[in-house]
Amino acid sequence: MERGVEVKLDRWGYEVRTSSDDCISAINSYYHQVLSYGRQRRVILEAPGHDKDCVLANILAAQFLYSSDPSRGPFHLIAAKSKLEQATSYEKAVFEAISSLICENRDDDVAVELHSKLLNDYPKDLISLKRAQLLCFYMGRPNQSLDLVQKVLPHNKEEDYVYGMLAFPLLELGRMPDAEEAARKGLKINTQDYWAQHAVCHVLQYECRFKEAVEFMEACSSSWNSCLSFMLTHNWWHVALCYLEGHSSMQKVFEVYDHHIWNELERDDATPAEVYINALGLLLRVYVRDEIETFSDRLKVLASCVIDQTFWYLDWHLDVLILWALAKSGEISKAEELLKGLKDKFSKMSTKKQQIMQSGILLAEAMFEYGKGNDKQALDILGPGFDVNFCKIIGASDEQLEVFSEVWYSMLLYTGQAHKAIEVLKKQIKKREGVPFIWRLLERGYSMAGKQKERGEAADRAKTLENAYFV
């Protein structure tokens, strides 16, 4: 830095050119909000108000606005760029990394590389790590996400939030014991690390420890009111799924949906799209289990909300769920319009991006047909070798994607492909032996194939599990 220029240190201890304590305070508050999934991320807009020339304040504000109010983002991007020569080296690195995310012709590989470079030089910057991990998530690259957090971990061994960030790629890679160990280590540092709580639940749910998962999450839930809409409703979505997979009464699932997911929309600072993605994900699970009649009014209300194009094209995963809900609710022309828009977006992608997103657009087409009741057409689109892991690029976790596998299993049975269904269901049971619903599907498959002995064994196993969880 040139002599006489005042700098202050941010939460990580890195230099920021500003003379304003209030600017640094707002930046640090933003860091906390991001890492804690807080509802007050708009606090970053206060930072350039305290120092209009601060590069870090402006580029962080620009990134926030590009996702929440895109028309205002360029103002802060230009402001940051105009003072870049006077910025600290840390600010320049953050500017370059964020600019790669919000530029017009974004290249995700370049963005990941720039974030990786930033973290090499500034390994305590957990906000940049969080951005990089989110990018890896939407690229379907848990290995790369894990590499990034492991690179910075030696510099952050006692830091809040880092172990939750370690846990998530571990569980996405199927390393459940390691993921649980990391998440619980994070909770020893900070019991209100909501991402670590979420990771523990993921592990317990995957391992079919449903009652333990519910008890753990409900004990944590009193502190979730400070979470943004997605984190709050997503944590409750996990609770609802544990009730559902653990064969609890549907009344329990109703209560979670009504009081802890849908009820979030009554808050003035709710983000509806973040609620809808969890509401839709839950109702699709209910539908696959032939329980949608008791939820039919809720689905109609939800479909009447997502018919609003304001919520389209924000997130591929949300769009896929909306397609199903609109088609299932009879809003065929609207669903067709959404699907056409997705295909238009796909056609404008680079060849490289199209290759990556191919499985995503096929899933969208299939869920549109599935919603209309055209199981055969949907199954033809997905193909006989459907592997949901190739759909990670829609921006969904393994647990969120699992419902699309369940849809596929059900369609195989409904279209009479019993032997194929038996084959894939047995593979799934090897991974998660304790889910009664999968055993019931296997029971149907054996029945269709005329294998009565195996049908009886599957039925007995399903009944044992159904009686073992929530009684």
Protein backbone atom coordinates (compact mmCIF):
# COMPACT_ATOMS: atom_id res chain seq x y z
CA MET A 1 0.00 0.00 0.00
CA GLU A 2 1.14 3.53 -0.73
CA ARG A 3 2.26 5.52 2.30
CA GLY A 4 -0.47 7.49 4.05
CA VAL A 5 -3.34 5.32 2.84
CA GLU A 6 -5.43 4.14 5.77
CA VAL A 7 -6.25 0.44 5.98
CA LYS A 8 -8.24 -1.59 8.44
CA LEU A 9 -8.40 -5.32 9.03
CA ASP A 10 -11.52 -7.36 8.38
CA ARG A 11 -12.67 -10.39 10.36
CA TRP A 12 -10.04 -12.58 8.71
CA GLY A 13 -7.23 -10.15 9.49
CA TYR A 14 -6.84 -9.07 5.86
CA GLU A 15 -6.22 -5.46 4.82
CA VAL A 16 -9.06 -3.35 3.45
CA ARG A 17 -8.55 0.20 2.29
CA THR A 18 -10.99 2.34 4.23
CA SER A 19 -10.96 4.89 6.99
CA SER A 20 -14.41 3.89 8.21
CA ASP A 21 -14.87 1.60 11.20
CA ASP A 22 -18.55 1.41 10.33
CA CYS A 23 -17.71 0.14 6.83
CA ILE A 24 -15.60 -2.68 8.25
CA SER A 25 -18.27 -3.44 10.82
CA ALA A 26 -20.91 -3.81 8.09
CA ILE A 27 -18.59 -6.07 6.07
CA ASN A 28 -17.94 -8.27 9.09
CA SER A 29 -21.65 -8.42 9.88
CA TYR A 30 -22.26 -9.57 6.30
CA TYR A 31 -19.67 -12.30 6.72
CA HIS A 32 -21.52 -13.54 9.79
CA GLN A 33 -24.88 -13.46 8.03
CA VAL A 34 -23.59 -15.51 5.10
CA LEU A 35 -21.88 -18.13 7.22
CA SER A 36 -24.81 -18.44 9.62
CA TYR A 37 -27.44 -18.45 6.84
CA GLY A 38 -28.86 -15.32 8.43
CA ARG A 39 -31.77 -13.21 7.21
CA GLN A 40 -29.89 -9.90 7.33
CA ARG A 41 -27.53 -10.21 4.38
CA ARG A 42 -28.67 -6.78 3.19
CA VAL A 43 -26.37 -5.35 5.84
CA ILE A 44 -23.65 -5.34 3.17
CA LEU A 45 -25.45 -2.46 1.47
CA GLU A 46 -24.60 -0.32 4.49
CA ALA A 47 -20.86 -0.76 3.89
CA PRO A 48 -20.52 1.40 0.73
CA GLY A 49 -22.84 3.89 2.41
CA HIS A 50 -20.15 4.40 5.04
CA ASP A 51 -17.34 4.49 2.47
CA LYS A 52 -18.36 4.86 -1.18
CA ASP A 53 -14.76 4.33 -2.31
CA CYS A 54 -14.15 1.00 -0.54
CA VAL A 55 -13.56 -1.66 -3.18
CA LEU A 56 -14.39 -4.61 -0.93
CA ALA A 57 -17.62 -2.99 0.26
CA ASN A 58 -18.74 -2.29 -3.30
CA ILE A 59 -17.86 -5.64 -4.85
CA LEU A 60 -19.58 -7.56 -2.03
CA ALA A 61 -22.63 -5.30 -2.41
CA ALA A 62 -22.56 -5.88 -6.18
CA GLN A 63 -22.59 -9.65 -5.76
CA PHE A 64 -25.46 -9.48 -3.26
CA LEU A 65 -27.51 -7.28 -5.59
CA TYR A 66 -26.85 -9.33 -8.72
CA SER A 67 -28.72 -12.18 -7.04
CA SER A 68 -31.41 -10.13 -5.27
CA ASP A 69 -31.88 -6.92 -7.31
CA PRO A 70 -29.85 -7.22 -10.56
CA SER A 71 -30.65 -3.74 -11.85
CA ARG A 72 -28.70 -2.19 -8.96
CA GLY A 73 -25.67 -4.46 -9.13
CA PRO A 74 -23.75 -2.64 -11.91
CA PHE A 75 -23.60 0.59 -9.90
CA HIS A 76 -21.49 -1.03 -7.18
CA LEU A 77 -19.45 -3.05 -9.66
CA ILE A 78 -18.48 0.13 -11.49
CA ALA A 79 -17.76 1.88 -8.20
CA ALA A 80 -15.44 -0.95 -7.14
CA LYS A 81 -13.67 -1.01 -10.50
CA SER A 82 -13.10 2.75 -10.47
CA LYS A 83 -11.03 2.53 -7.28
CA LEU A 84 -9.31 -0.77 -7.97
CA GLU A 85 -5.83 0.69 -8.43
CA GLN A 86 -5.88 2.01 -4.86
CA ALA A 87 -7.22 -1.24 -3.36
CA THR A 88 -5.22 -3.70 -1.27
CA SER A 89 -4.02 -6.92 -2.86
CA TYR A 90 -6.67 -8.83 -0.92
CA GLU A 91 -9.44 -6.60 -2.23
CA LYS A 92 -8.14 -7.00 -5.77
CA ALA A 93 -8.23 -10.78 -5.44
CA VAL A 94 -11.81 -10.72 -4.12
CA PHE A 95 -12.81 -8.29 -6.88
CA GLU A 96 -11.39 -10.57 -9.56
CA ALA A 97 -13.05 -13.68 -8.11
CA ILE A 98 -16.50 -12.10 -7.71
CA SER A 99 -16.31 -10.37 -11.10
CA SER A 100 -15.89 -13.78 -12.71
CA LEU A 101 -19.21 -14.83 -11.18
CA ILE A 102 -21.26 -11.82 -12.24
CA CYS A 103 -19.80 -11.17 -15.69
CA GLU A 104 -21.98 -11.59 -18.77
CA ASN A 105 -20.12 -14.56 -20.30
CA ARG A 106 -19.44 -16.40 -17.10
CA ASP A 107 -17.16 -19.44 -17.25
CA ASP A 108 -17.62 -21.52 -14.12
CA ASP A 109 -14.25 -23.24 -14.50
CA VAL A 110 -12.51 -19.86 -14.57
CA ALA A 111 -14.51 -18.71 -11.54
CA VAL A 112 -13.51 -21.79 -9.53
CA GLU A 113 -9.87 -21.34 -10.51
CA LEU A 114 -9.87 -17.70 -9.43
CA HIS A 115 -11.43 -18.59 -6.10
CA SER A 116 -8.89 -21.36 -5.62
CA LYS A 117 -6.08 -18.90 -6.32
CA LEU A 118 -7.58 -16.41 -3.85
CA LEU A 119 -7.77 -19.10 -1.16
CA ASN A 120 -4.13 -20.05 -1.76
CA ASP A 121 -3.14 -16.51 -0.85
CA TYR A 122 -5.87 -15.73 1.70
CA PRO A 123 -6.87 -19.07 3.28
CA LYS A 124 -8.77 -17.56 6.22
CA ASP A 125 -11.40 -16.00 3.92
CA LEU A 126 -14.27 -18.39 4.62
CA ILE A 127 -16.73 -16.24 2.65
CA SER A 128 -14.75 -16.83 -0.53
CA LEU A 129 -14.62 -20.52 0.39
CA LYS A 130 -18.41 -20.50 0.78
CA ARG A 131 -18.82 -18.88 -2.66
CA ALA A 132 -16.48 -21.42 -4.21
CA GLN A 133 -18.26 -24.36 -2.59
CA LEU A 134 -21.64 -23.09 -3.77
CA LEU A 135 -20.24 -22.84 -7.28
CA CYS A 136 -18.92 -26.41 -7.05
CA PHE A 137 -22.33 -27.54 -5.81
CA TYR A 138 -24.06 -26.16 -8.89
CA MET A 139 -21.39 -27.76 -11.06
CA GLY A 140 -21.91 -31.15 -9.41
CA ARG A 141 -18.32 -31.32 -8.17
CA PRO A 142 -18.16 -32.39 -4.53
CA ASN A 143 -14.56 -33.58 -4.98
CA GLN A 144 -13.45 -30.07 -5.92
CA SER A 145 -15.47 -28.60 -3.06
CA LEU A 146 -13.72 -30.95 -0.64
CA ASP A 147 -10.30 -30.07 -2.05
CA LEU A 148 -10.96 -26.38 -1.45
CA VAL A 149 -11.98 -26.74 2.19
CA GLN A 150 -9.17 -29.17 2.95
CA LYS A 151 -6.70 -26.67 1.51
CA VAL A 152 -7.73 -23.94 3.95
CA LEU A 153 -8.51 -26.14 6.96
CA PRO A 154 -4.97 -26.00 8.48
CA HIS A 155 -5.39 -22.21 8.77
CA ASN A 156 -8.88 -22.42 10.32
CA LYS A 157 -8.82 -25.34 12.76
CA GLU A 158 -10.66 -23.50 15.54
CA GLU A 159 -12.88 -21.33 13.34
CA ASP A 160 -16.66 -21.24 13.44
CA TYR A 161 -18.43 -22.78 10.43
CA VAL A 162 -15.46 -24.40 8.68
CA TYR A 163 -16.34 -27.94 9.83
CA GLY A 164 -19.88 -27.70 8.52
CA MET A 165 -18.32 -26.65 5.23
CA LEU A 166 -16.05 -29.70 5.43
CA ALA A 167 -18.92 -32.03 6.27
CA PHE A 168 -21.14 -31.28 3.28
CA PRO A 169 -18.83 -32.42 0.44
CA LEU A 170 -17.89 -35.44 2.55
CA LEU A 171 -21.50 -36.57 2.77
CA GLU A 172 -22.03 -35.82 -0.94
CA LEU A 173 -19.13 -38.19 -1.60
CA GLY A 174 -20.73 -40.89 0.55
CA ARG A 175 -18.20 -40.57 3.37
CA MET A 176 -20.87 -40.52 6.06
CA PRO A 177 -18.79 -41.33 9.17
CA ASP A 178 -16.26 -38.63 8.22
CA ALA A 179 -19.07 -36.17 7.51
CA GLU A 180 -20.71 -36.79 10.89
CA GLU A 181 -17.40 -36.44 12.69
CA ALA A 182 -16.68 -33.12 10.96
CA ALA A 183 -20.17 -31.74 11.59
CA ARG A 184 -20.16 -32.66 15.27
CA LYS A 185 -16.72 -31.10 15.65
CA GLY A 186 -18.18 -27.91 14.23
CA LEU A 187 -21.05 -28.04 16.71
CA LYS A 188 -18.57 -28.29 19.57
CA ILE A 189 -17.17 -24.94 18.43
CA ASN A 190 -20.59 -23.39 17.79
CA THR A 191 -23.80 -25.21 18.70
CA GLN A 192 -25.71 -22.88 16.37
CA ASP A 193 -23.78 -23.71 13.22
CA TYR A 194 -26.91 -24.46 11.19
CA TRP A 195 -25.00 -25.90 8.25
CA ALA A 196 -23.30 -28.36 10.59
CA GLN A 197 -26.68 -29.25 12.14
CA HIS A 198 -27.97 -29.83 8.62
CA ALA A 199 -25.02 -32.10 7.82
CA VAL A 200 -25.61 -34.22 10.93
CA CYS A 201 -29.24 -34.66 9.89
CA HIS A 202 -28.18 -35.64 6.36
CA VAL A 203 -26.01 -38.40 7.77
CA LEU A 204 -28.61 -39.69 10.24
CA GLN A 205 -31.28 -39.67 7.55
CA TYR A 206 -29.09 -41.45 5.00
CA GLU A 207 -28.27 -44.12 7.58
CA CYS A 208 -32.02 -44.51 8.29
CA ARG A 209 -31.62 -43.32 11.88
CA PHE A 210 -34.88 -41.43 11.40
CA LYS A 211 -36.03 -41.08 15.00
CA GLU A 212 -32.57 -39.93 16.09
CA ALA A 213 -32.52 -37.40 13.25
CA VAL A 214 -35.92 -35.97 14.17
CA GLU A 215 -35.03 -35.71 17.86
CA PHE A 216 -31.73 -34.02 17.02
CA MET A 217 -33.25 -31.49 14.62
CA GLU A 218 -36.28 -30.67 16.75
CA ALA A 219 -33.93 -30.00 19.68
CA CYS A 220 -32.02 -27.56 17.45
CA SER A 221 -35.07 -25.94 15.87
CA SER A 222 -35.73 -23.24 18.46
CA SER A 223 -32.77 -21.27 17.09
CA TRP A 224 -33.72 -21.47 13.41
CA ASN A 225 -35.92 -18.36 13.35
CA SER A 226 -32.85 -16.27 12.58
CA CYS A 227 -32.16 -18.35 9.45
CA LEU A 228 -33.07 -17.18 5.98
CA SER A 229 -36.12 -18.80 4.40
CA PHE A 230 -34.22 -21.53 2.59
CA MET A 231 -32.25 -22.79 5.56
CA LEU A 232 -35.20 -22.69 7.95
CA THR A 233 -37.61 -24.49 5.62
CA HIS A 234 -34.92 -26.86 4.34
CA ASN A 235 -34.07 -28.03 7.83
CA TRP A 236 -37.77 -28.65 8.46
CA TRP A 237 -37.99 -30.39 5.06
CA HIS A 238 -35.41 -32.85 6.37
CA VAL A 239 -37.51 -33.42 9.48
CA ALA A 240 -40.61 -34.05 7.34
CA LEU A 241 -38.69 -36.51 5.17
CA CYS A 242 -37.54 -38.41 8.23
CA TYR A 243 -41.14 -38.75 9.33
CA LEU A 244 -42.12 -39.81 5.81
CA GLU A 245 -39.30 -42.28 5.23
CA GLY A 246 -39.63 -43.60 8.76
CA HIS A 247 -43.30 -44.40 8.14
CA SER A 248 -44.71 -41.98 10.66
CA SER A 249 -48.30 -40.84 10.36
CA MET A 250 -49.06 -38.44 7.53
CA GLN A 251 -50.40 -36.08 10.17
CA LYS A 252 -46.83 -35.50 11.30
CA VAL A 253 -45.83 -34.61 7.74
CA PHE A 254 -48.86 -32.28 7.49
CA GLU A 255 -47.84 -30.49 10.66
CA VAL A 256 -44.30 -29.85 9.49
CA TYR A 257 -45.49 -28.67 6.07
CA ASP A 258 -48.17 -26.35 7.43
CA HIS A 259 -46.49 -24.95 10.52
CA HIS A 260 -42.81 -24.88 9.61
CA ILE A 261 -42.56 -24.69 5.81
CA TRP A 262 -45.65 -22.99 4.41
CA ASN A 263 -46.06 -20.83 7.49
CA GLU A 264 -42.73 -19.16 6.69
CA LEU A 265 -44.52 -17.16 3.96
CA GLU A 266 -46.35 -15.19 6.66
CA ARG A 267 -43.11 -13.48 7.64
CA ASP A 268 -42.53 -10.06 6.09
CA ASP A 269 -38.92 -10.88 5.27
CA ALA A 270 -39.59 -14.32 3.76
CA THR A 271 -38.12 -15.25 0.37
CA PRO A 272 -40.97 -17.17 -1.32
CA ALA A 273 -38.86 -19.03 -3.90
CA GLU A 274 -36.76 -20.51 -1.09
CA VAL A 275 -39.93 -21.77 0.58
CA TYR A 276 -41.43 -23.14 -2.62
CA ILE A 277 -38.44 -25.33 -3.45
CA ASN A 278 -38.75 -27.16 -0.12
CA ALA A 279 -42.56 -27.28 -0.24
CA LEU A 280 -42.52 -28.72 -3.76
CA GLY A 281 -39.79 -31.20 -2.93
CA LEU A 282 -41.85 -32.53 -0.03
CA LEU A 283 -45.13 -32.74 -1.95
CA LEU A 284 -43.44 -34.64 -4.78
CA ARG A 285 -42.25 -37.22 -2.23
CA VAL A 286 -45.80 -37.48 -0.92
CA TYR A 287 -47.14 -37.89 -4.46
CA VAL A 288 -44.73 -40.72 -5.29
CA ARG A 289 -46.02 -42.52 -2.20
CA ASP A 290 -49.64 -42.23 -3.43
CA GLU A 291 -50.56 -39.98 -0.51
CA ILE A 292 -51.16 -36.79 -2.50
CA GLU A 293 -54.97 -36.93 -2.15
CA THR A 294 -54.66 -35.83 1.46
CA PHE A 295 -52.37 -33.02 0.29
CA SER A 296 -54.30 -32.10 -2.87
CA ASP A 297 -55.52 -28.73 -1.59
CA ARG A 298 -51.99 -27.81 -0.59
CA LEU A 299 -50.66 -28.72 -4.04
CA LYS A 300 -53.33 -26.59 -5.74
CA VAL A 301 -52.43 -23.60 -3.59
CA LEU A 302 -48.73 -24.11 -4.24
CA ALA A 303 -49.28 -24.45 -7.99
CA SER A 304 -51.28 -21.22 -7.99
CA CYS A 305 -48.23 -19.50 -6.48
CA VAL A 306 -45.56 -20.89 -8.81
CA ILE A 307 -47.62 -20.11 -11.90
CA ASP A 308 -46.21 -16.62 -11.34
CA GLN A 309 -43.27 -16.27 -13.75
CA THR A 310 -41.40 -14.22 -11.16
CA PHE A 311 -40.29 -17.55 -9.73
CA TRP A 312 -39.22 -19.11 -13.02
CA TYR A 313 -35.61 -19.42 -14.18
CA LEU A 314 -34.14 -18.63 -10.77
CA ASP A 315 -32.88 -22.16 -10.15
CA TRP A 316 -32.94 -25.29 -12.34
CA HIS A 317 -33.99 -27.52 -9.46
CA LEU A 318 -36.92 -25.23 -8.65
CA ASP A 319 -37.92 -25.08 -12.32
CA VAL A 320 -38.01 -28.88 -12.58
CA LEU A 321 -40.25 -29.08 -9.52
CA ILE A 322 -42.49 -26.27 -10.81
CA LEU A 323 -42.90 -28.11 -14.12
CA TRP A 324 -44.21 -31.16 -12.29
CA ALA A 325 -46.54 -29.14 -10.05
CA LEU A 326 -48.05 -27.12 -12.92
CA ALA A 327 -48.53 -30.19 -15.11
CA LYS A 328 -50.01 -32.20 -12.24
CA SER A 329 -52.39 -29.35 -11.40
CA GLY A 330 -53.68 -29.08 -14.97
CA GLU A 331 -51.82 -25.86 -15.82
CA ILE A 332 -50.47 -27.52 -18.97
CA SER A 333 -50.07 -24.39 -21.09
CA LYS A 334 -48.10 -22.67 -18.33
CA ALA A 335 -45.93 -25.74 -17.85
CA GLU A 336 -45.30 -25.85 -21.61
CA GLU A 337 -44.31 -22.18 -21.51
CA LEU A 338 -41.83 -22.81 -18.71
CA LEU A 339 -40.37 -25.84 -20.49
CA LYS A 340 -40.02 -23.87 -23.73
CA GLY A 341 -38.16 -21.17 -21.82
CA LEU A 342 -35.78 -23.73 -20.35
CA LYS A 343 -35.14 -25.19 -23.79
CA ASP A 344 -34.48 -21.70 -25.15
CA LYS A 345 -31.96 -21.07 -22.37
CA PHE A 346 -30.37 -24.44 -23.11
CA SER A 347 -30.10 -23.68 -26.85
CA LYS A 348 -28.18 -20.46 -26.11
CA MET A 349 -25.58 -22.19 -23.96
CA SER A 350 -22.13 -22.98 -25.24
CA THR A 351 -21.55 -26.53 -26.50
CA LYS A 352 -19.55 -27.23 -23.36
CA LYS A 353 -22.35 -26.00 -21.10
CA GLN A 354 -24.98 -27.90 -23.09
CA GLN A 355 -23.08 -31.15 -22.57
CA ILE A 356 -23.06 -30.48 -18.83
CA MET A 357 -26.75 -29.52 -18.67
CA GLN A 358 -28.09 -32.24 -20.99
CA SER A 359 -29.24 -34.44 -18.11
CA GLY A 360 -30.93 -31.44 -16.50
CA ILE A 361 -33.03 -30.57 -19.54
CA LEU A 362 -34.00 -34.24 -19.99
CA LEU A 363 -35.10 -34.40 -16.35
CA ALA A 364 -37.21 -31.27 -16.89
CA GLU A 365 -38.91 -32.83 -19.92
CA ALA A 366 -39.51 -36.07 -18.06
CA MET A 367 -41.04 -34.38 -15.02
CA PHE A 368 -43.38 -32.41 -17.29
CA GLU A 369 -44.63 -35.69 -18.81
CA TYR A 370 -44.77 -37.34 -15.39
CA GLY A 371 -46.91 -34.50 -14.08
CA LYS A 372 -49.33 -35.05 -16.97
CA GLY A 373 -49.54 -38.75 -16.11
CA ASN A 374 -47.56 -39.89 -19.14
CA ASP A 375 -45.32 -42.37 -17.37
CA LYS A 376 -44.19 -44.18 -20.51
CA GLN A 377 -43.14 -40.98 -22.27
CA ALA A 378 -41.35 -39.77 -19.15
CA LEU A 379 -39.57 -43.10 -18.79
CA ASP A 380 -38.52 -43.05 -22.45
CA ILE A 381 -36.96 -39.61 -21.91
CA LEU A 382 -34.97 -40.71 -18.86
CA GLY A 383 -33.97 -43.98 -20.49
CA PRO A 384 -33.33 -47.45 -19.06
CA GLY A 385 -29.97 -46.48 -17.56
CA PHE A 386 -31.12 -43.39 -15.69
CA ASP A 387 -28.64 -42.34 -13.02
CA VAL A 388 -29.75 -39.42 -10.88
CA ASN A 389 -26.13 -38.59 -10.01
CA PHE A 390 -25.77 -37.05 -13.46
CA CYS A 391 -28.47 -34.54 -12.45
CA LYS A 392 -26.41 -32.86 -9.72
CA ILE A 393 -25.92 -29.92 -12.07
CA ILE A 394 -29.50 -28.76 -11.47
CA GLY A 395 -28.24 -27.66 -8.07
CA ALA A 396 -29.55 -30.34 -5.74
CA SER A 397 -28.06 -32.48 -3.01
CA ASP A 398 -28.14 -36.28 -3.10
CA GLU A 399 -31.09 -36.22 -0.71
CA GLN A 400 -32.99 -33.74 -2.89
CA LEU A 401 -32.25 -35.79 -6.00
CA GLU A 402 -33.39 -39.07 -4.45
CA VAL A 403 -37.02 -38.28 -5.17
CA PHE A 404 -36.31 -38.39 -8.91
CA SER A 405 -34.94 -41.91 -8.47
CA GLU A 406 -38.15 -42.78 -6.62
CA VAL A 407 -40.15 -41.37 -9.53
CA TRP A 408 -38.14 -43.56 -11.90
CA TYR A 409 -38.66 -46.70 -9.81
CA SER A 410 -42.40 -46.03 -9.69
CA MET A 411 -42.61 -45.45 -13.44
CA LEU A 412 -40.81 -48.72 -14.11
CA LEU A 413 -43.49 -50.51 -12.08
CA TYR A 414 -46.40 -48.58 -13.57
CA THR A 415 -45.21 -49.43 -17.09
CA GLY A 416 -44.85 -53.12 -16.30
CA GLN A 417 -41.05 -53.33 -16.23
CA ALA A 418 -40.97 -55.44 -13.10
CA HIS A 419 -37.63 -57.17 -13.69
CA LYS A 420 -35.82 -53.88 -14.32
CA ALA A 421 -37.49 -52.37 -11.26
CA ILE A 422 -36.40 -55.31 -9.09
CA GLU A 423 -32.82 -54.94 -10.34
CA VAL A 424 -32.52 -51.23 -9.49
CA LEU A 425 -34.46 -51.47 -6.23
CA LYS A 426 -32.15 -54.21 -4.94
CA LYS A 427 -29.19 -51.96 -5.70
CA GLN A 428 -30.83 -49.10 -3.80
CA ILE A 429 -31.55 -51.33 -0.81
CA LYS A 430 -27.86 -52.22 -0.62
CA LYS A 431 -27.17 -48.51 -0.11
CA ARG A 432 -30.09 -47.74 2.23
CA GLU A 433 -31.52 -50.91 3.66
CA GLY A 434 -33.82 -49.27 6.19
CA VAL A 435 -36.39 -47.43 4.02
CA PRO A 436 -39.78 -49.18 4.19
CA PHE A 437 -41.06 -47.51 1.00
CA ILE A 438 -38.32 -49.06 -1.14
CA TRP A 439 -39.14 -52.50 0.27
CA ARG A 440 -42.82 -51.91 -0.60
CA LEU A 441 -41.85 -51.06 -4.17
CA LEU A 442 -39.74 -54.21 -4.30
CA GLU A 443 -42.71 -56.17 -2.97
CA ARG A 444 -44.80 -54.85 -5.88
CA GLY A 445 -42.09 -55.75 -8.34
CA TYR A 446 -41.86 -59.32 -7.10
CA SER A 447 -45.65 -59.61 -7.16
CA MET A 448 -45.77 -58.44 -10.78
CA ALA A 449 -43.00 -60.90 -11.67
CA GLY A 450 -44.86 -63.77 -10.03
CA LYS A 451 -42.17 -64.34 -7.42
CA GLN A 452 -44.37 -64.95 -4.41
CA LYS A 453 -41.69 -66.17 -2.02
CA GLU A 454 -39.57 -63.06 -2.61
CA ARG A 455 -42.69 -60.89 -2.46
CA GLY A 456 -43.50 -62.23 0.98
CA GLU A 457 -39.96 -61.67 2.23
CA ALA A 458 -39.98 -58.07 0.99
CA ALA A 459 -43.40 -57.48 2.59
CA ASP A 460 -42.21 -58.88 5.90
CA ARG A 461 -39.12 -56.69 5.84
CA ALA A 462 -41.18 -53.61 5.02
CA LYS A 463 -43.62 -54.33 7.84
CA THR A 464 -40.80 -54.86 10.35
CA LEU A 465 -39.28 -51.51 9.42
CA GLU A 466 -42.63 -49.74 9.45
CA ASN A 467 -43.20 -50.94 13.00
CA ALA A 468 -39.69 -50.07 14.13
CA TYR A 469 -39.59 -46.32 13.76
CA PHE A 470 -42.42 -44.03 14.84
CA VAL A 471 -44.99 -46.00 16.81
